[in-house]
Amino acid sequence: MVVGGGGCKGQELTYELQQGYRILGEFLQEKHRGLTAPFLQPLGGVATGEEEVAEGSRSGGRGSRALPQQPGQGMCLLKMEEKFASGQYGGITDFVADFRLMLETCYRLHGVDHWISKQGQKLEMMLEQKLALLSR
């Protein structure tokens, strides 16, 4: 597991944030790596950008799906882990917002029918299930 078992660099997390961190830790487990691998690093890197330019010219110059974002600046699972570690999350809703931002960026970059977006939809379902279990 990528996440250390001793908490986030000694910082005290509220119970709510501990639950968010636990959910993220589950996504980072090796058994989910096939599903989460495209989301470990920010989307919109050099290879993806080239793919979008080529795809835009093939589809009649409609490259409108590409977001104006710098490579490496998008949200990803490892960046969420860093934000937990540095205490940047005020509550679980901040974490969920970042998770959804990551998925939305994926859907916009690739379109909903792309295989990476299909992976994202599976992650979205898993997140919703985990959040539903928290509210019981």
C-alpha atoms as a PDB file:
ATOM      1  CA  MET A   1       0.000   0.000   0.000  1.00  0.00           C
ATOM      2  CA  VAL A   2       1.326   3.433  -0.908  1.00  0.00           C
ATOM      3  CA  VAL A   3      -0.209   5.153   2.115  1.00  0.00           C
ATOM      4  CA  GLY A   4       1.722   4.842   5.357  1.00  0.00           C
ATOM      5  CA  GLY A   5      -0.210   3.262   8.207  1.00  0.00           C
ATOM      6  CA  GLY A   6       0.845   5.805  10.824  1.00  0.00           C
ATOM      7  CA  GLY A   7      -1.237   8.735   9.637  1.00  0.00           C
ATOM      8  CA  CYS A   8      -0.274  11.840   7.718  1.00  0.00           C
ATOM      9  CA  LYS A   9       3.211  12.919   8.781  1.00  0.00           C
ATOM     10  CA  GLY A  10       2.224  13.198  12.404  1.00  0.00           C
ATOM     11  CA  GLN A  11      -0.633  15.615  11.770  1.00  0.00           C
ATOM     12  CA  GLU A  12      -3.822  15.001  13.689  1.00  0.00           C
ATOM     13  CA  LEU A  13      -6.764  14.455  11.363  1.00  0.00           C
ATOM     14  CA  THR A  14     -10.366  14.827  12.372  1.00  0.00           C
ATOM     15  CA  TYR A  15     -12.448  11.658  12.254  1.00  0.00           C
ATOM     16  CA  GLU A  16     -14.017  12.903   9.008  1.00  0.00           C
ATOM     17  CA  LEU A  17     -10.625  13.438   7.380  1.00  0.00           C
ATOM     18  CA  GLN A  18      -9.393  10.092   8.661  1.00  0.00           C
ATOM     19  CA  GLN A  19     -12.278   8.482   6.783  1.00  0.00           C
ATOM     20  CA  GLY A  20     -11.379  10.385   3.606  1.00  0.00           C
ATOM     21  CA  TYR A  21      -7.731   9.391   3.971  1.00  0.00           C
ATOM     22  CA  ARG A  22      -8.743   5.762   4.490  1.00  0.00           C
ATOM     23  CA  ILE A  23     -10.854   5.863   1.295  1.00  0.00           C
ATOM     24  CA  LEU A  24      -7.936   7.335  -0.656  1.00  0.00           C
ATOM     25  CA  GLY A  25      -5.642   4.685   0.840  1.00  0.00           C
ATOM     26  CA  GLU A  26      -7.968   1.966  -0.415  1.00  0.00           C
ATOM     27  CA  PHE A  27      -7.802   3.403  -3.944  1.00  0.00           C
ATOM     28  CA  LEU A  28      -4.003   3.426  -3.738  1.00  0.00           C
ATOM     29  CA  GLN A  29      -3.776  -0.257  -2.806  1.00  0.00           C
ATOM     30  CA  GLU A  30      -1.982  -2.538  -5.241  1.00  0.00           C
ATOM     31  CA  LYS A  31      -5.151  -4.555  -5.897  1.00  0.00           C
ATOM     32  CA  HIS A  32      -6.778  -1.465  -7.475  1.00  0.00           C
ATOM     33  CA  ARG A  33      -3.696  -0.435  -9.463  1.00  0.00           C
ATOM     34  CA  GLY A  34      -5.160  -1.617 -12.775  1.00  0.00           C
ATOM     35  CA  LEU A  35      -8.077   0.750 -12.270  1.00  0.00           C
ATOM     36  CA  THR A  36      -6.264   3.670 -10.667  1.00  0.00           C
ATOM     37  CA  ALA A  37      -2.999   3.715 -12.656  1.00  0.00           C
ATOM     38  CA  PRO A  38      -4.183   6.373 -15.169  1.00  0.00           C
ATOM     39  CA  PHE A  39      -5.150   8.621 -12.248  1.00  0.00           C
ATOM     40  CA  LEU A  40      -1.960   8.425 -10.180  1.00  0.00           C
ATOM     41  CA  GLN A  41      -0.378  11.294 -12.125  1.00  0.00           C
ATOM     42  CA  PRO A  42      -2.138  14.423 -13.455  1.00  0.00           C
ATOM     43  CA  LEU A  43      -4.006  14.010 -16.720  1.00  0.00           C
ATOM     44  CA  GLY A  44      -3.130  16.320 -19.577  1.00  0.00           C
ATOM     45  CA  GLY A  45       0.565  15.503 -19.773  1.00  0.00           C
ATOM     46  CA  VAL A  46       2.622  15.756 -22.947  1.00  0.00           C
ATOM     47  CA  ALA A  47       1.453  12.469 -24.472  1.00  0.00           C
ATOM     48  CA  THR A  48      -2.199  13.235 -23.781  1.00  0.00           C
ATOM     49  CA  GLY A  49      -1.832  16.739 -25.167  1.00  0.00           C
ATOM     50  CA  GLU A  50      -0.341  15.429 -28.406  1.00  0.00           C
ATOM     51  CA  GLU A  51      -3.159  12.890 -28.644  1.00  0.00           C
ATOM     52  CA  GLU A  52      -5.741  15.675 -28.249  1.00  0.00           C
ATOM     53  CA  VAL A  53      -4.099  17.826 -30.943  1.00  0.00           C
ATOM     54  CA  ALA A  54      -4.051  14.894 -33.360  1.00  0.00           C
ATOM     55  CA  GLU A  55      -7.609  13.939 -32.459  1.00  0.00           C
ATOM     56  CA  GLY A  56      -8.745  17.552 -32.858  1.00  0.00           C
ATOM     57  CA  SER A  57      -7.359  17.769 -36.386  1.00  0.00           C
ATOM     58  CA  ARG A  58      -8.896  14.407 -37.316  1.00  0.00           C
ATOM     59  CA  SER A  59     -12.321  15.488 -36.100  1.00  0.00           C
ATOM     60  CA  GLY A  60     -12.423  18.630 -38.186  1.00  0.00           C
ATOM     61  CA  GLY A  61     -10.438  20.884 -35.889  1.00  0.00           C
ATOM     62  CA  ARG A  62     -12.801  20.551 -32.937  1.00  0.00           C
ATOM     63  CA  GLY A  63     -10.179  20.244 -30.233  1.00  0.00           C
ATOM     64  CA  SER A  64     -12.535  21.852 -27.727  1.00  0.00           C
ATOM     65  CA  ARG A  65     -12.316  19.002 -25.218  1.00  0.00           C
ATOM     66  CA  ALA A  66      -8.754  19.854 -24.263  1.00  0.00           C
ATOM     67  CA  LEU A  67      -8.610  21.905 -21.083  1.00  0.00           C
ATOM     68  CA  PRO A  68      -6.251  24.861 -20.835  1.00  0.00           C
ATOM     69  CA  GLN A  69      -4.088  23.317 -18.156  1.00  0.00           C
ATOM     70  CA  GLN A  70      -0.372  23.038 -17.718  1.00  0.00           C
ATOM     71  CA  PRO A  71       1.099  19.515 -17.765  1.00  0.00           C
ATOM     72  CA  GLY A  72       1.427  18.272 -14.222  1.00  0.00           C
ATOM     73  CA  GLN A  73      -1.027  20.848 -12.842  1.00  0.00           C
ATOM     74  CA  GLY A  74      -4.173  18.691 -12.815  1.00  0.00           C
ATOM     75  CA  MET A  75      -5.568  16.801  -9.851  1.00  0.00           C
ATOM     76  CA  CYS A  76      -4.505  13.195  -9.329  1.00  0.00           C
ATOM     77  CA  LEU A  77      -4.593  10.579  -6.583  1.00  0.00           C
ATOM     78  CA  LEU A  78      -1.004  11.194  -5.505  1.00  0.00           C
ATOM     79  CA  LYS A  79      -1.607  14.948  -5.295  1.00  0.00           C
ATOM     80  CA  MET A  80      -4.616  14.227  -3.053  1.00  0.00           C
ATOM     81  CA  GLU A  81      -2.340  12.135  -0.841  1.00  0.00           C
ATOM     82  CA  GLU A  82       0.102  15.070  -0.649  1.00  0.00           C
ATOM     83  CA  LYS A  83      -2.737  17.419   0.287  1.00  0.00           C
ATOM     84  CA  PHE A  84      -3.758  15.101   3.131  1.00  0.00           C
ATOM     85  CA  ALA A  85      -0.131  14.885   4.287  1.00  0.00           C
ATOM     86  CA  SER A  86       0.309  18.664   4.309  1.00  0.00           C
ATOM     87  CA  GLY A  87      -3.029  19.357   5.998  1.00  0.00           C
ATOM     88  CA  GLN A  88      -4.586  21.198   3.055  1.00  0.00           C
ATOM     89  CA  TYR A  89      -7.981  19.517   3.396  1.00  0.00           C
ATOM     90  CA  GLY A  90     -10.433  21.156   5.786  1.00  0.00           C
ATOM     91  CA  GLY A  91     -12.963  18.348   5.520  1.00  0.00           C
ATOM     92  CA  ILE A  92     -13.926  15.280   3.569  1.00  0.00           C
ATOM     93  CA  THR A  93     -15.947  17.424   1.161  1.00  0.00           C
ATOM     94  CA  ASP A  94     -12.711  19.089  -0.007  1.00  0.00           C
ATOM     95  CA  PHE A  95     -11.234  15.675  -0.763  1.00  0.00           C
ATOM     96  CA  VAL A  96     -14.408  14.541  -2.576  1.00  0.00           C
ATOM     97  CA  ALA A  97     -14.399  17.780  -4.598  1.00  0.00           C
ATOM     98  CA  ASP A  98     -10.804  17.127  -5.709  1.00  0.00           C
ATOM     99  CA  PHE A  99     -11.670  13.519  -6.580  1.00  0.00           C
ATOM    100  CA  ARG A 100     -14.604  14.679  -8.692  1.00  0.00           C
ATOM    101  CA  LEU A 101     -12.456  17.392 -10.301  1.00  0.00           C
ATOM    102  CA  MET A 102      -9.969  14.710 -11.337  1.00  0.00           C
ATOM    103  CA  LEU A 103     -12.772  12.636 -12.885  1.00  0.00           C
ATOM    104  CA  GLU A 104     -14.395  15.619 -14.588  1.00  0.00           C
ATOM    105  CA  THR A 105     -11.044  16.585 -16.122  1.00  0.00           C
ATOM    106  CA  CYS A 106     -10.697  13.031 -17.423  1.00  0.00           C
ATOM    107  CA  TYR A 107     -14.179  13.069 -18.967  1.00  0.00           C
ATOM    108  CA  ARG A 108     -13.544  16.432 -20.627  1.00  0.00           C
ATOM    109  CA  LEU A 109     -10.122  15.482 -21.964  1.00  0.00           C
ATOM    110  CA  HIS A 110     -11.052  12.074 -23.307  1.00  0.00           C
ATOM    111  CA  GLY A 111     -14.822  12.066 -23.731  1.00  0.00           C
ATOM    112  CA  VAL A 112     -17.099   9.723 -21.809  1.00  0.00           C
ATOM    113  CA  ASP A 113     -16.643   6.787 -24.192  1.00  0.00           C
ATOM    114  CA  HIS A 114     -12.846   6.581 -23.878  1.00  0.00           C
ATOM    115  CA  TRP A 115     -11.448   3.608 -21.934  1.00  0.00           C
ATOM    116  CA  ILE A 116      -9.822   5.888 -19.344  1.00  0.00           C
ATOM    117  CA  SER A 117     -13.178   7.561 -18.755  1.00  0.00           C
ATOM    118  CA  LYS A 118     -14.729   4.124 -18.296  1.00  0.00           C
ATOM    119  CA  GLN A 119     -12.101   3.488 -15.606  1.00  0.00           C
ATOM    120  CA  GLY A 120     -13.014   6.840 -14.079  1.00  0.00           C
ATOM    121  CA  GLN A 121     -16.694   5.901 -14.015  1.00  0.00           C
ATOM    122  CA  LYS A 122     -15.807   2.742 -12.095  1.00  0.00           C
ATOM    123  CA  LEU A 123     -13.785   4.815  -9.620  1.00  0.00           C
ATOM    124  CA  GLU A 124     -16.705   7.214  -9.284  1.00  0.00           C
ATOM    125  CA  MET A 125     -19.062   4.342  -8.444  1.00  0.00           C
ATOM    126  CA  MET A 126     -16.599   2.957  -5.898  1.00  0.00           C
ATOM    127  CA  LEU A 127     -16.245   6.385  -4.270  1.00  0.00           C
ATOM    128  CA  GLU A 128     -20.013   6.825  -4.053  1.00  0.00           C
ATOM    129  CA  GLN A 129     -20.363   3.390  -2.455  1.00  0.00           C
ATOM    130  CA  LYS A 130     -17.674   4.146   0.114  1.00  0.00           C
ATOM    131  CA  LEU A 131     -19.229   7.520   0.936  1.00  0.00           C
ATOM    132  CA  ALA A 132     -22.687   5.947   1.289  1.00  0.00           C
ATOM    133  CA  LEU A 133     -21.275   3.464   3.798  1.00  0.00           C
ATOM    134  CA  LEU A 134     -19.859   6.348   5.858  1.00  0.00           C
ATOM    135  CA  SER A 135     -23.270   7.927   6.368  1.00  0.00           C
ATOM    136  CA  ARG A 136     -24.743   4.804   8.007  1.00  0.00           C
END
